Amino acid sequence: MSESKLQKSCVDWFKLRYENRGQGLIVSIPNEGRRNARTGGRLKGMGLKAGFPDLQILKSGDILFVEMKTTSSKSATSEKQDAMHGILRQLKHKVIVCRTFDQFTCVVDRFMGS
């Protein structure tokens, strides 16, 4: 399964289980893809950050950052992603890399229940 299909499945599941019941919010900041220098500069000026996690899950008073990757040996976090995850953890946020649907649902259920 591709990373984008995995992410869509996880988002759909979250919406049904939590968001549609008013228990949380899931947000994606599209950060992938190539852009020309002008567009890249404009987006950077507007606050886009390289390496920012794919998904943000919000519940009352807390946030979980989720980086989606597949189980492929070629699917590794980049240096920019690792650096951003480090910054978020220094700020006392939870950051997780999820590689499967089952891992995502387990981690999110635990986060939403805490």
Protein backbone atom coordinates (compact mmCIF):
# COMPACT_ATOMS: atom_id res chain seq x y z
CA MET A 1 0.00 0.00 0.00
CA SER A 2 1.34 3.45 -0.85
CA GLU A 3 1.95 6.06 1.83
CA SER A 4 -0.86 8.26 0.50
CA LYS A 5 -3.37 5.36 0.53
CA LEU A 6 -2.28 4.39 4.04
CA GLN A 7 -2.69 7.99 5.22
CA LYS A 8 -6.14 8.31 3.63
CA SER A 9 -7.28 5.06 5.29
CA CYS A 10 -6.04 6.31 8.66
CA VAL A 11 -7.72 9.70 8.24
CA ASP A 12 -11.02 8.07 7.22
CA TRP A 13 -10.88 5.78 10.26
CA PHE A 14 -10.16 8.70 12.62
CA LYS A 15 -13.02 10.75 11.23
CA LEU A 16 -15.49 7.92 11.76
CA ARG A 17 -14.22 6.97 15.23
CA TYR A 18 -13.51 10.38 16.74
CA GLU A 19 -13.93 13.49 14.61
CA ASN A 20 -17.54 12.89 13.55
CA ARG A 21 -18.40 12.47 17.25
CA GLY A 22 -16.75 15.76 18.23
CA GLN A 23 -13.97 14.01 20.16
CA GLY A 24 -10.98 15.18 18.17
CA LEU A 25 -9.68 16.71 14.98
CA ILE A 26 -7.25 15.38 12.39
CA VAL A 27 -5.34 17.77 10.14
CA SER A 28 -2.89 17.29 7.29
CA ILE A 29 -0.48 19.97 6.15
CA PRO A 30 0.55 19.02 2.60
CA ASN A 31 4.31 19.33 2.75
CA GLU A 32 5.41 16.92 0.02
CA GLY A 33 6.12 17.52 -3.62
CA ARG A 34 8.43 19.71 -5.61
CA ARG A 35 7.77 23.40 -6.05
CA ASN A 36 9.47 26.09 -8.04
CA ALA A 37 11.65 28.53 -6.09
CA ARG A 38 9.07 31.31 -6.11
CA THR A 39 6.25 29.14 -4.75
CA GLY A 40 8.59 27.50 -2.24
CA GLY A 41 9.75 30.88 -0.97
CA ARG A 42 6.19 32.16 -0.67
CA LEU A 43 5.07 29.07 1.26
CA LYS A 44 8.12 29.21 3.53
CA GLY A 45 7.34 32.86 4.24
CA MET A 46 3.80 31.80 5.17
CA GLY A 47 5.15 29.32 7.73
CA LEU A 48 5.62 26.04 5.86
CA LYS A 49 8.36 24.01 7.55
CA ALA A 50 10.39 21.24 5.92
CA GLY A 51 10.04 17.91 7.70
CA PHE A 52 6.79 18.73 9.48
CA PRO A 53 4.80 15.54 10.26
CA ASP A 54 2.06 14.42 7.88
CA LEU A 55 -0.80 14.45 10.38
CA GLN A 56 -1.71 16.35 13.51
CA ILE A 57 -4.30 14.85 15.85
CA LEU A 58 -5.85 17.23 18.34
CA LYS A 59 -7.89 16.48 21.41
CA SER A 60 -8.75 18.72 24.31
CA GLY A 61 -5.45 20.11 25.62
CA ASP A 62 -3.13 17.79 23.67
CA ILE A 63 -1.73 17.10 20.21
CA LEU A 64 -0.13 14.08 18.57
CA PHE A 65 2.09 14.45 15.50
CA VAL A 66 2.10 11.46 13.15
CA GLU A 67 4.59 10.79 10.38
CA MET A 68 3.24 8.23 7.92
CA LYS A 69 5.65 5.78 6.29
CA THR A 70 5.17 2.37 4.70
CA THR A 71 6.82 -0.89 5.71
CA SER A 72 9.10 -0.72 2.64
CA SER A 73 12.79 -0.71 3.45
CA LYS A 74 13.04 2.38 1.22
CA SER A 75 10.50 4.28 3.35
CA ALA A 76 12.65 6.04 5.91
CA THR A 77 12.35 9.43 7.56
CA SER A 78 14.53 12.14 6.06
CA GLU A 79 17.13 14.16 7.92
CA LYS A 80 14.76 17.16 7.85
CA GLN A 81 11.94 15.03 9.28
CA ASP A 82 14.20 13.67 12.03
CA ALA A 83 15.31 17.21 12.91
CA MET A 84 11.71 18.49 13.02
CA HIS A 85 10.61 15.52 15.16
CA GLY A 86 13.45 16.37 17.54
CA ILE A 87 12.29 19.99 17.81
CA LEU A 88 8.70 18.92 18.47
CA ARG A 89 9.86 16.48 21.17
CA GLN A 90 11.99 19.21 22.79
CA LEU A 91 8.77 21.22 22.98
CA LYS A 92 7.26 18.25 24.88
CA HIS A 93 4.98 17.09 22.04
CA LYS A 94 4.28 13.49 21.15
CA VAL A 95 5.63 12.38 17.76
CA ILE A 96 5.19 8.91 16.29
CA VAL A 97 6.11 7.29 12.97
CA CYS A 98 3.36 4.90 11.85
CA ARG A 99 3.98 2.26 9.19
CA THR A 100 0.72 0.29 9.24
CA PHE A 101 -2.98 0.91 9.70
CA ASP A 102 -3.04 -1.31 12.80
CA GLN A 103 -0.14 0.61 14.37
CA PHE A 104 -1.92 3.90 13.68
CA THR A 105 -5.22 2.79 15.22
CA CYS A 106 -3.48 1.36 18.30
CA VAL A 107 -1.40 4.50 18.91
CA VAL A 108 -4.32 6.85 18.30
CA ASP A 109 -6.75 4.90 20.50
CA ARG A 110 -4.17 5.03 23.30
CA PHE A 111 -3.63 8.79 22.76
CA MET A 112 -7.35 9.58 22.62
CA GLY A 113 -8.00 7.56 25.76
CA SER A 114 -5.27 9.21 27.82
